[in-house]
Amino acid sequence: MIERERTKTLLKEYGFTAKKSFGQNFLVDDGIIRRIVKNMAVSEYETVIEIGPGLGALSLPLSKEAKRIYLVDADRDMVKVLRDLFAGQEKVTVVQSDFLRFDPDSVSRKEERLFIGNLPYNITSRLLEYMLEKGFRSAGFMVQKEVYEKLDYRPGKKDNTPLGAFIAASGDLSLVSYVDRSAFDPSPKVDSAFLRIDRTHPVSFSLYPIFKALFKDPNKTISNCLRQFDKYLPALEKMKEKGEERLAKRARQLKTEELSSLAEEILKFTEENE
């Protein structure tokens, strides 16, 4: 049975419908599903944690290859379906929880886990920030196409973001596949992209608030951005005394290595002043 038919059958059988409040758009394109599962190579990880598995379009093929997999969904209706689908499968654990309230450290070590999911588009940034805070070896996730374009950090790009810069500073972001809106049921109003992050050189999440400060206003210099935060003013003054040239640039112009070293210096001076 192809995924589109399976989805319609399950929804009819259980009497459920997609809920806008949970940002539910079920992935039903078999080709995209196969591409995602193949690219993520889930057998290489000790633990796979899927965010918002819904009706199990990815969960079913992932579970065949995963050593252990946790399916975390906030919707009790989806959880009921998933528990029926995976009844008796010891390596599959279904958890009813908002992912932002789920502690992945309780079930896995960050160096050994893979996050994967079709993320609700209304809270994509919050979910990505939470994943980065908790840590992982790799992550694969669906986002709006325009979000991918903003996350794809390249020095000098006008729409660079602090989240994209932080991801690029701590690992490699790659495009697995563009995904047309017709690949979902119901179809969203936008096209999507499935991305992969491999944290090849993790940066401490304690630097992320500083990244956000550096990008406070992308059209202002780093000096003028930092000036808006009282806690960073002592660091700003010390760097001015040292003749820090990067302060006169815009954050979006810098390479990620420069952003990381600058953030580390700001954090050091800030902690010394506390």
C-alpha atoms as a PDB file:
ATOM      1  CA  MET A   1       0.000   0.000   0.000  1.00  0.00           C
ATOM      2  CA  ILE A   2       1.450   3.351  -0.968  1.00  0.00           C
ATOM      3  CA  GLU A   3       1.787   5.979   1.757  1.00  0.00           C
ATOM      4  CA  ARG A   4      -0.991   8.252   0.509  1.00  0.00           C
ATOM      5  CA  GLU A   5      -3.483   5.380   0.605  1.00  0.00           C
ATOM      6  CA  ARG A   6      -2.184   4.167   3.985  1.00  0.00           C
ATOM      7  CA  THR A   7      -2.643   7.648   5.465  1.00  0.00           C
ATOM      8  CA  LYS A   8      -6.214   7.984   4.203  1.00  0.00           C
ATOM      9  CA  THR A   9      -7.050   4.493   5.430  1.00  0.00           C
ATOM     10  CA  LEU A  10      -5.711   5.168   8.943  1.00  0.00           C
ATOM     11  CA  LEU A  11      -7.469   8.508   9.255  1.00  0.00           C
ATOM     12  CA  LYS A  12     -10.754   6.935   8.183  1.00  0.00           C
ATOM     13  CA  GLU A  13     -10.298   3.889  10.418  1.00  0.00           C
ATOM     14  CA  TYR A  14      -9.588   5.968  13.526  1.00  0.00           C
ATOM     15  CA  GLY A  15     -11.912   8.833  12.628  1.00  0.00           C
ATOM     16  CA  PHE A  16      -9.119  11.413  12.869  1.00  0.00           C
ATOM     17  CA  THR A  17      -8.248  14.453  10.773  1.00  0.00           C
ATOM     18  CA  ALA A  18      -5.119  16.584  10.481  1.00  0.00           C
ATOM     19  CA  LYS A  19      -5.045  19.295  13.158  1.00  0.00           C
ATOM     20  CA  LYS A  20      -3.872  22.818  12.346  1.00  0.00           C
ATOM     21  CA  SER A  21      -3.097  23.378  16.039  1.00  0.00           C
ATOM     22  CA  PHE A  22      -0.354  20.747  15.807  1.00  0.00           C
ATOM     23  CA  GLY A  23       0.829  21.894  12.378  1.00  0.00           C
ATOM     24  CA  GLN A  24      -0.024  18.501  10.904  1.00  0.00           C
ATOM     25  CA  ASN A  25       0.696  17.917   7.225  1.00  0.00           C
ATOM     26  CA  PHE A  26       1.308  14.221   6.661  1.00  0.00           C
ATOM     27  CA  LEU A  27       4.178  13.289   4.341  1.00  0.00           C
ATOM     28  CA  VAL A  28       2.749  10.902   1.720  1.00  0.00           C
ATOM     29  CA  ASP A  29       5.353  10.873  -1.078  1.00  0.00           C
ATOM     30  CA  ASP A  30       6.999   7.443  -1.116  1.00  0.00           C
ATOM     31  CA  GLY A  31      10.006   8.638  -3.115  1.00  0.00           C
ATOM     32  CA  ILE A  32      10.789  11.437  -0.676  1.00  0.00           C
ATOM     33  CA  ILE A  33      10.367   9.067   2.277  1.00  0.00           C
ATOM     34  CA  ARG A  34      12.838   6.591   0.762  1.00  0.00           C
ATOM     35  CA  ARG A  35      15.327   9.376   0.015  1.00  0.00           C
ATOM     36  CA  ILE A  36      15.185  10.670   3.576  1.00  0.00           C
ATOM     37  CA  VAL A  37      15.589   7.265   5.203  1.00  0.00           C
ATOM     38  CA  LYS A  38      18.480   6.308   2.916  1.00  0.00           C
ATOM     39  CA  ASN A  39      20.285   9.605   3.457  1.00  0.00           C
ATOM     40  CA  MET A  40      20.046   9.553   7.250  1.00  0.00           C
ATOM     41  CA  ALA A  41      21.635   6.069   7.606  1.00  0.00           C
ATOM     42  CA  VAL A  42      19.889   5.482  10.934  1.00  0.00           C
ATOM     43  CA  SER A  43      21.659   2.181  11.671  1.00  0.00           C
ATOM     44  CA  GLU A  44      24.820   4.169  12.467  1.00  0.00           C
ATOM     45  CA  TYR A  45      23.264   5.677  15.613  1.00  0.00           C
ATOM     46  CA  GLU A  46      22.582   4.089  18.969  1.00  0.00           C
ATOM     47  CA  THR A  47      19.330   6.024  19.361  1.00  0.00           C
ATOM     48  CA  VAL A  48      16.950   7.711  16.929  1.00  0.00           C
ATOM     49  CA  ILE A  49      14.466  10.279  18.260  1.00  0.00           C
ATOM     50  CA  GLU A  50      11.682  11.270  15.888  1.00  0.00           C
ATOM     51  CA  ILE A  51       9.876  14.550  16.505  1.00  0.00           C
ATOM     52  CA  GLY A  52       6.201  14.641  15.541  1.00  0.00           C
ATOM     53  CA  PRO A  53       5.971  11.210  13.878  1.00  0.00           C
ATOM     54  CA  GLY A  54       2.253  11.606  13.157  1.00  0.00           C
ATOM     55  CA  LEU A  55       0.940   8.486  11.423  1.00  0.00           C
ATOM     56  CA  GLY A  56       4.376   6.916  11.084  1.00  0.00           C
ATOM     57  CA  ALA A  57       5.290   7.640   7.454  1.00  0.00           C
ATOM     58  CA  LEU A  58       8.956   7.912   8.435  1.00  0.00           C
ATOM     59  CA  SER A  59       8.683   5.867  11.632  1.00  0.00           C
ATOM     60  CA  LEU A  60       7.853   2.614   9.854  1.00  0.00           C
ATOM     61  CA  PRO A  61      10.901   2.490   7.553  1.00  0.00           C
ATOM     62  CA  LEU A  62      13.147   4.057  10.216  1.00  0.00           C
ATOM     63  CA  SER A  63      12.179   1.381  12.754  1.00  0.00           C
ATOM     64  CA  LYS A  64      13.372  -1.358  10.410  1.00  0.00           C
ATOM     65  CA  GLU A  65      16.924  -0.014  10.499  1.00  0.00           C
ATOM     66  CA  ALA A  66      17.195   1.744  13.873  1.00  0.00           C
ATOM     67  CA  LYS A  67      18.782   0.061  16.872  1.00  0.00           C
ATOM     68  CA  ARG A  68      16.385   1.916  19.132  1.00  0.00           C
ATOM     69  CA  ILE A  69      13.853   4.595  18.285  1.00  0.00           C
ATOM     70  CA  TYR A  70      11.709   6.973  20.324  1.00  0.00           C
ATOM     71  CA  LEU A  71       8.626   8.477  18.690  1.00  0.00           C
ATOM     72  CA  VAL A  72       7.698  11.739  20.435  1.00  0.00           C
ATOM     73  CA  ASP A  73       4.327  13.265  19.567  1.00  0.00           C
ATOM     74  CA  ALA A  74       2.172  15.750  21.489  1.00  0.00           C
ATOM     75  CA  ASP A  75      -1.102  14.646  19.877  1.00  0.00           C
ATOM     76  CA  ARG A  76      -2.794  11.851  21.834  1.00  0.00           C
ATOM     77  CA  ASP A  77      -4.667  10.765  18.695  1.00  0.00           C
ATOM     78  CA  MET A  78      -1.406  10.197  16.815  1.00  0.00           C
ATOM     79  CA  VAL A  79       0.051   8.451  19.847  1.00  0.00           C
ATOM     80  CA  LYS A  80      -2.865   5.999  19.849  1.00  0.00           C
ATOM     81  CA  VAL A  81      -2.230   5.139  16.197  1.00  0.00           C
ATOM     82  CA  LEU A  82       1.512   4.774  16.750  1.00  0.00           C
ATOM     83  CA  ARG A  83       1.096   2.505  19.770  1.00  0.00           C
ATOM     84  CA  ASP A  84      -1.175   0.262  17.723  1.00  0.00           C
ATOM     85  CA  LEU A  85       1.239   0.256  14.770  1.00  0.00           C
ATOM     86  CA  PHE A  86       4.261  -0.645  16.893  1.00  0.00           C
ATOM     87  CA  ALA A  87       2.637  -2.904  19.485  1.00  0.00           C
ATOM     88  CA  GLY A  88       5.058  -5.586  20.617  1.00  0.00           C
ATOM     89  CA  GLN A  89       8.144  -3.953  19.065  1.00  0.00           C
ATOM     90  CA  GLU A  90      10.552  -3.594  21.964  1.00  0.00           C
ATOM     91  CA  LYS A  91      13.003  -1.290  20.219  1.00  0.00           C
ATOM     92  CA  VAL A  92      10.234   1.252  19.508  1.00  0.00           C
ATOM     93  CA  THR A  93       9.030   3.522  22.336  1.00  0.00           C
ATOM     94  CA  VAL A  94       6.110   5.886  21.779  1.00  0.00           C
ATOM     95  CA  VAL A  95       6.093   8.981  23.999  1.00  0.00           C
ATOM     96  CA  GLN A  96       3.206  11.433  24.298  1.00  0.00           C
ATOM     97  CA  SER A  97       4.892  14.765  24.937  1.00  0.00           C
ATOM     98  CA  ASP A  98       5.559  18.189  23.535  1.00  0.00           C
ATOM     99  CA  PHE A  99       9.128  17.758  22.296  1.00  0.00           C
ATOM    100  CA  LEU A 100      10.161  20.979  24.033  1.00  0.00           C
ATOM    101  CA  ARG A 101       9.259  19.258  27.324  1.00  0.00           C
ATOM    102  CA  PHE A 102      10.911  15.962  26.446  1.00  0.00           C
ATOM    103  CA  ASP A 103      14.418  15.402  27.806  1.00  0.00           C
ATOM    104  CA  PRO A 104      16.453  13.425  25.250  1.00  0.00           C
ATOM    105  CA  ASP A 105      19.243  13.039  27.811  1.00  0.00           C
ATOM    106  CA  SER A 106      16.964  10.699  29.749  1.00  0.00           C
ATOM    107  CA  VAL A 107      17.084   8.144  26.935  1.00  0.00           C
ATOM    108  CA  SER A 108      20.348   8.743  25.063  1.00  0.00           C
ATOM    109  CA  ARG A 109      23.778  10.354  24.967  1.00  0.00           C
ATOM    110  CA  LYS A 110      24.090  13.343  22.669  1.00  0.00           C
ATOM    111  CA  GLU A 111      27.126  11.873  20.893  1.00  0.00           C
ATOM    112  CA  GLU A 112      25.126   8.800  19.914  1.00  0.00           C
ATOM    113  CA  ARG A 113      21.742  10.157  18.872  1.00  0.00           C
ATOM    114  CA  LEU A 114      19.989  11.232  15.718  1.00  0.00           C
ATOM    115  CA  PHE A 115      17.087  13.670  15.773  1.00  0.00           C
ATOM    116  CA  ILE A 116      14.694  13.447  12.852  1.00  0.00           C
ATOM    117  CA  GLY A 117      11.299  14.879  12.097  1.00  0.00           C
ATOM    118  CA  ASN A 118       8.784  16.720   9.982  1.00  0.00           C
ATOM    119  CA  LEU A 119       8.815  19.829  12.193  1.00  0.00           C
ATOM    120  CA  PRO A 120       5.682  21.912  12.821  1.00  0.00           C
ATOM    121  CA  TYR A 121       6.445  25.027  10.795  1.00  0.00           C
ATOM    122  CA  ASN A 122       5.037  27.439  13.386  1.00  0.00           C
ATOM    123  CA  ILE A 123       7.719  26.495  15.949  1.00  0.00           C
ATOM    124  CA  THR A 124      10.610  25.407  13.715  1.00  0.00           C
ATOM    125  CA  SER A 125      13.163  27.813  15.198  1.00  0.00           C
ATOM    126  CA  ARG A 126      12.304  26.906  18.785  1.00  0.00           C
ATOM    127  CA  LEU A 127      12.631  23.206  18.019  1.00  0.00           C
ATOM    128  CA  LEU A 128      15.983  23.659  16.274  1.00  0.00           C
ATOM    129  CA  GLU A 129      17.291  25.762  19.149  1.00  0.00           C
ATOM    130  CA  TYR A 130      16.206  23.083  21.628  1.00  0.00           C
ATOM    131  CA  MET A 131      17.907  20.354  19.609  1.00  0.00           C
ATOM    132  CA  LEU A 132      21.115  22.387  19.438  1.00  0.00           C
ATOM    133  CA  GLU A 133      20.961  23.085  23.165  1.00  0.00           C
ATOM    134  CA  LYS A 134      20.531  19.402  24.004  1.00  0.00           C
ATOM    135  CA  GLY A 135      23.109  18.284  21.462  1.00  0.00           C
ATOM    136  CA  PHE A 136      23.214  15.521  18.872  1.00  0.00           C
ATOM    137  CA  ARG A 137      25.509  13.779  16.442  1.00  0.00           C
ATOM    138  CA  SER A 138      23.229  14.376  13.456  1.00  0.00           C
ATOM    139  CA  ALA A 139      19.749  15.698  12.763  1.00  0.00           C
ATOM    140  CA  GLY A 140      17.413  15.538   9.788  1.00  0.00           C
ATOM    141  CA  PHE A 141      14.321  17.707   9.572  1.00  0.00           C
ATOM    142  CA  MET A 142      11.685  19.182   7.272  1.00  0.00           C
ATOM    143  CA  VAL A 143      11.332  22.965   7.115  1.00  0.00           C
ATOM    144  CA  GLN A 144       9.776  25.529   4.809  1.00  0.00           C
ATOM    145  CA  LYS A 145      11.912  26.131   1.735  1.00  0.00           C
ATOM    146  CA  GLU A 146      12.344  29.808   2.624  1.00  0.00           C
ATOM    147  CA  VAL A 147      13.556  28.819   6.106  1.00  0.00           C
ATOM    148  CA  TYR A 148      16.261  26.649   4.545  1.00  0.00           C
ATOM    149  CA  GLU A 149      17.391  29.602   2.443  1.00  0.00           C
ATOM    150  CA  LYS A 150      17.803  31.667   5.617  1.00  0.00           C
ATOM    151  CA  LEU A 151      19.567  28.861   7.500  1.00  0.00           C
ATOM    152  CA  ASP A 152      22.045  28.366   4.651  1.00  0.00           C
ATOM    153  CA  TYR A 153      24.729  30.673   6.012  1.00  0.00           C
ATOM    154  CA  ARG A 154      27.173  32.292   3.604  1.00  0.00           C
ATOM    155  CA  PRO A 155      29.288  35.316   4.590  1.00  0.00           C
ATOM    156  CA  GLY A 156      27.859  38.507   3.122  1.00  0.00           C
ATOM    157  CA  LYS A 157      24.369  37.169   2.435  1.00  0.00           C
ATOM    158  CA  LYS A 158      21.804  39.771   3.433  1.00  0.00           C
ATOM    159  CA  ASP A 159      19.298  37.373   4.986  1.00  0.00           C
ATOM    160  CA  ASN A 160      21.793  35.481   7.146  1.00  0.00           C
ATOM    161  CA  THR A 161      20.409  34.653  10.581  1.00  0.00           C
ATOM    162  CA  PRO A 162      21.977  33.952  13.992  1.00  0.00           C
ATOM    163  CA  LEU A 163      20.508  30.447  13.956  1.00  0.00           C
ATOM    164  CA  GLY A 164      21.982  29.726  10.532  1.00  0.00           C
ATOM    165  CA  ALA A 165      25.329  31.149  11.632  1.00  0.00           C
ATOM    166  CA  PHE A 166      25.370  29.051  14.805  1.00  0.00           C
ATOM    167  CA  ILE A 167      24.514  25.870  12.883  1.00  0.00           C
ATOM    168  CA  ALA A 168      27.278  26.572  10.364  1.00  0.00           C
ATOM    169  CA  ALA A 169      29.731  27.333  13.172  1.00  0.00           C
ATOM    170  CA  SER A 170      29.119  23.979  14.849  1.00  0.00           C
ATOM    171  CA  GLY A 171      28.660  21.634  11.913  1.00  0.00           C
ATOM    172  CA  ASP A 172      27.659  21.032   8.333  1.00  0.00           C
ATOM    173  CA  LEU A 173      24.204  21.858   6.980  1.00  0.00           C
ATOM    174  CA  SER A 174      23.228  20.014   3.804  1.00  0.00           C
ATOM    175  CA  LEU A 175      20.128  19.798   1.638  1.00  0.00           C
ATOM    176  CA  VAL A 176      18.742  16.277   1.347  1.00  0.00           C
ATOM    177  CA  SER A 177      15.852  17.198  -0.917  1.00  0.00           C
ATOM    178  CA  TYR A 178      13.470  19.935  -1.886  1.00  0.00           C
ATOM    179  CA  VAL A 179       9.914  18.768  -1.222  1.00  0.00           C
ATOM    180  CA  ASP A 180       6.960  20.028  -3.224  1.00  0.00           C
ATOM    181  CA  ARG A 181       3.795  20.923  -1.300  1.00  0.00           C
ATOM    182  CA  SER A 182       1.998  18.113  -3.166  1.00  0.00           C
ATOM    183  CA  ALA A 183       4.060  15.598  -1.169  1.00  0.00           C
ATOM    184  CA  PHE A 184       1.846  16.249   1.866  1.00  0.00           C
ATOM    185  CA  ASP A 185      -1.749  15.591   2.793  1.00  0.00           C
ATOM    186  CA  PRO A 186      -3.217  18.072   3.450  1.00  0.00           C
ATOM    187  CA  SER A 187      -0.943  20.185   1.261  1.00  0.00           C
ATOM    188  CA  PRO A 188       0.634  23.200   2.965  1.00  0.00           C
ATOM    189  CA  LYS A 189       0.680  26.575   1.236  1.00  0.00           C
ATOM    190  CA  VAL A 190       4.465  26.489   0.859  1.00  0.00           C
ATOM    191  CA  ASP A 191       7.135  24.197  -0.569  1.00  0.00           C
ATOM    192  CA  SER A 192       9.555  22.539   1.824  1.00  0.00           C
ATOM    193  CA  ALA A 193      13.086  21.240   2.164  1.00  0.00           C
ATOM    194  CA  PHE A 194      14.503  18.330   4.131  1.00  0.00           C
ATOM    195  CA  LEU A 195      17.839  19.243   5.707  1.00  0.00           C
ATOM    196  CA  ARG A 196      20.611  17.449   7.527  1.00  0.00           C
ATOM    197  CA  ILE A 197      22.981  18.781  10.183  1.00  0.00           C
ATOM    198  CA  ASP A 198      26.137  16.914  11.157  1.00  0.00           C
ATOM    199  CA  ARG A 199      27.772  18.438  14.223  1.00  0.00           C
ATOM    200  CA  THR A 200      31.367  17.961  13.194  1.00  0.00           C
ATOM    201  CA  HIS A 201      32.788  20.622  15.533  1.00  0.00           C
ATOM    202  CA  PRO A 202      30.136  21.449  18.170  1.00  0.00           C
ATOM    203  CA  VAL A 203      30.120  24.949  19.622  1.00  0.00           C
ATOM    204  CA  SER A 204      28.865  25.465  23.178  1.00  0.00           C
ATOM    205  CA  PHE A 205      25.228  26.563  23.225  1.00  0.00           C
ATOM    206  CA  SER A 206      26.238  29.179  25.813  1.00  0.00           C
ATOM    207  CA  LEU A 207      27.464  31.225  22.825  1.00  0.00           C
ATOM    208  CA  TYR A 208      24.114  31.236  21.066  1.00  0.00           C
ATOM    209  CA  PRO A 209      22.638  34.223  22.977  1.00  0.00           C
ATOM    210  CA  ILE A 210      25.703  36.201  21.906  1.00  0.00           C
ATOM    211  CA  PHE A 211      25.176  35.159  18.265  1.00  0.00           C
ATOM    212  CA  LYS A 212      21.634  36.513  18.591  1.00  0.00           C
ATOM    213  CA  ALA A 213      22.961  39.770  20.031  1.00  0.00           C
ATOM    214  CA  LEU A 214      25.468  40.145  17.187  1.00  0.00           C
ATOM    215  CA  PHE A 215      22.601  39.822  14.698  1.00  0.00           C
ATOM    216  CA  LYS A 216      20.207  42.033  16.662  1.00  0.00           C
ATOM    217  CA  ASP A 217      19.921  44.327  13.652  1.00  0.00           C
ATOM    218  CA  PRO A 218      21.555  42.895  10.515  1.00  0.00           C
ATOM    219  CA  ASN A 219      21.992  46.382   9.045  1.00  0.00           C
ATOM    220  CA  LYS A 220      23.865  47.749  12.060  1.00  0.00           C
ATOM    221  CA  THR A 221      27.488  47.201  12.961  1.00  0.00           C
ATOM    222  CA  ILE A 222      28.380  44.652  15.611  1.00  0.00           C
ATOM    223  CA  SER A 223      29.327  47.526  17.926  1.00  0.00           C
ATOM    224  CA  ASN A 224      25.902  49.114  17.598  1.00  0.00           C
ATOM    225  CA  CYS A 225      24.175  45.765  18.098  1.00  0.00           C
ATOM    226  CA  LEU A 226      26.101  45.000  21.285  1.00  0.00           C
ATOM    227  CA  ARG A 227      25.419  48.496  22.584  1.00  0.00           C
ATOM    228  CA  GLN A 228      21.768  47.484  22.980  1.00  0.00           C
ATOM    229  CA  PHE A 229      22.618  44.911  25.696  1.00  0.00           C
ATOM    230  CA  ASP A 230      23.733  46.192  29.084  1.00  0.00           C
ATOM    231  CA  LYS A 231      25.393  42.902  29.994  1.00  0.00           C
ATOM    232  CA  TYR A 232      27.707  43.102  26.975  1.00  0.00           C
ATOM    233  CA  LEU A 233      28.741  46.754  27.398  1.00  0.00           C
ATOM    234  CA  PRO A 234      31.857  45.977  29.513  1.00  0.00           C
ATOM    235  CA  ALA A 235      33.006  43.462  26.895  1.00  0.00           C
ATOM    236  CA  LEU A 236      32.363  45.996  24.152  1.00  0.00           C
ATOM    237  CA  GLU A 237      34.500  48.615  25.899  1.00  0.00           C
ATOM    238  CA  LYS A 238      37.371  46.193  26.458  1.00  0.00           C
ATOM    239  CA  MET A 239      37.344  45.114  22.823  1.00  0.00           C
ATOM    240  CA  LYS A 240      37.325  48.734  21.693  1.00  0.00           C
ATOM    241  CA  GLU A 241      40.402  49.337  23.846  1.00  0.00           C
ATOM    242  CA  LYS A 242      42.089  46.432  22.085  1.00  0.00           C
ATOM    243  CA  GLY A 243      41.221  47.931  18.705  1.00  0.00           C
ATOM    244  CA  GLU A 244      38.915  45.078  17.666  1.00  0.00           C
ATOM    245  CA  GLU A 245      38.286  45.717  13.962  1.00  0.00           C
ATOM    246  CA  ARG A 246      35.373  43.300  13.666  1.00  0.00           C
ATOM    247  CA  LEU A 247      33.215  45.644  15.734  1.00  0.00           C
ATOM    248  CA  ALA A 248      32.891  47.940  12.722  1.00  0.00           C
ATOM    249  CA  LYS A 249      31.492  45.159  10.531  1.00  0.00           C
ATOM    250  CA  ARG A 250      28.022  43.656  10.301  1.00  0.00           C
ATOM    251  CA  ALA A 251      27.676  40.167  11.754  1.00  0.00           C
ATOM    252  CA  ARG A 252      26.332  38.757   8.498  1.00  0.00           C
ATOM    253  CA  GLN A 253      29.604  39.694   6.779  1.00  0.00           C
ATOM    254  CA  LEU A 254      31.804  37.496   8.968  1.00  0.00           C
ATOM    255  CA  LYS A 255      32.914  33.907   8.510  1.00  0.00           C
ATOM    256  CA  THR A 256      31.555  31.515  11.111  1.00  0.00           C
ATOM    257  CA  GLU A 257      35.007  31.012  12.646  1.00  0.00           C
ATOM    258  CA  GLU A 258      35.208  34.773  13.199  1.00  0.00           C
ATOM    259  CA  LEU A 259      31.747  34.847  14.767  1.00  0.00           C
ATOM    260  CA  SER A 260      32.638  31.976  17.108  1.00  0.00           C
ATOM    261  CA  SER A 261      35.913  33.524  18.265  1.00  0.00           C
ATOM    262  CA  LEU A 262      34.251  36.905  18.740  1.00  0.00           C
ATOM    263  CA  ALA A 263      31.417  35.344  20.744  1.00  0.00           C
ATOM    264  CA  GLU A 264      33.924  33.453  22.905  1.00  0.00           C
ATOM    265  CA  GLU A 265      35.795  36.688  23.611  1.00  0.00           C
ATOM    266  CA  ILE A 266      32.574  38.497  24.527  1.00  0.00           C
ATOM    267  CA  LEU A 267      31.553  35.624  26.824  1.00  0.00           C
ATOM    268  CA  LYS A 268      34.973  35.665  28.517  1.00  0.00           C
ATOM    269  CA  PHE A 269      34.887  39.423  29.203  1.00  0.00           C
ATOM    270  CA  THR A 270      31.261  39.218  30.326  1.00  0.00           C
ATOM    271  CA  GLU A 271      31.959  36.439  32.840  1.00  0.00           C
ATOM    272  CA  GLU A 272      34.975  38.322  34.165  1.00  0.00           C
ATOM    273  CA  ASN A 273      32.770  41.334  34.833  1.00  0.00           C
ATOM    274  CA  GLU A 274      30.062  39.397  36.704  1.00  0.00           C
END
